[in-house]
Protein backbone atom coordinates (compact mmCIF):
# COMPACT_ATOMS: atom_id res chain seq x y z
CA MET A 1 120.87 -90.79 35.16
CA ASN A 2 121.95 -90.38 38.75
CA ILE A 3 119.78 -91.78 41.50
CA PRO A 4 119.35 -89.18 44.25
CA ILE A 5 120.55 -90.49 47.58
CA PRO A 6 118.47 -89.30 50.54
CA ALA A 7 120.43 -87.23 53.01
CA GLU A 8 119.08 -89.31 55.88
CA THR A 9 117.65 -92.81 55.81
CA PRO A 10 114.12 -92.97 57.19
CA ASP A 11 113.78 -94.39 60.66
CA PRO A 12 112.55 -97.99 60.40
CA ASN A 13 110.81 -97.57 63.76
CA ILE A 14 108.87 -94.49 62.69
CA ASP A 15 105.55 -96.07 63.70
CA LYS A 16 106.89 -97.51 66.97
CA PRO A 17 109.74 -95.27 68.07
CA THR A 18 111.95 -96.59 70.82
CA LEU A 19 111.19 -94.41 73.79
CA PRO A 20 113.95 -93.55 76.21
CA GLU A 21 113.79 -95.22 79.60
CA THR A 22 111.56 -93.18 81.87
CA GLU A 23 110.12 -93.67 85.31
CA PRO A 24 107.56 -96.48 85.37
CA GLN A 25 104.00 -95.28 85.16
CA PRO A 26 102.23 -95.36 88.54
CA ILE A 27 99.67 -98.13 88.77
CA PRO A 28 96.20 -96.56 89.07
CA GLU A 29 94.48 -97.40 92.31
CA GLN A 30 91.92 -100.11 91.80
CA GLU A 31 88.73 -100.20 93.79
CA PRO A 32 88.61 -103.06 96.28
CA PRO A 33 86.42 -105.97 95.17
CA GLY A 34 82.77 -105.62 96.09
CA THR A 35 82.62 -101.85 95.63
CA THR A 36 82.27 -101.82 91.85
CA PRO A 37 78.92 -100.37 90.76
CA PRO A 38 76.57 -102.73 88.92
CA PRO A 39 76.84 -102.54 85.13
CA LYS A 40 74.39 -100.15 83.52
CA GLU A 41 71.72 -101.72 81.34
CA GLU A 42 72.15 -100.69 77.74
CA PRO A 43 69.09 -99.14 76.10
CA PRO A 44 67.51 -101.22 73.33
CA SER A 45 69.18 -100.70 69.99
CA THR A 46 65.83 -100.45 68.18
CA MET A 47 63.18 -97.84 68.83
CA PRO A 48 60.09 -99.21 70.59
CA PRO A 49 56.97 -99.25 68.38
CA VAL A 50 54.97 -96.06 68.67
CA ILE A 51 51.24 -96.67 69.08
CA VAL A 52 49.17 -93.92 67.48
């Protein structure tokens, strides 16, 4: 029985392909320190008890 030989070997870097060299991504402008808004308070994960 002959073993079929694939016409093309699969790319070993199929999950992480090597990307061609491109221009570096511009660094996003960061807000200067002291201007960041205060963190929002997260709502409680449980519902408050309902008084009937």
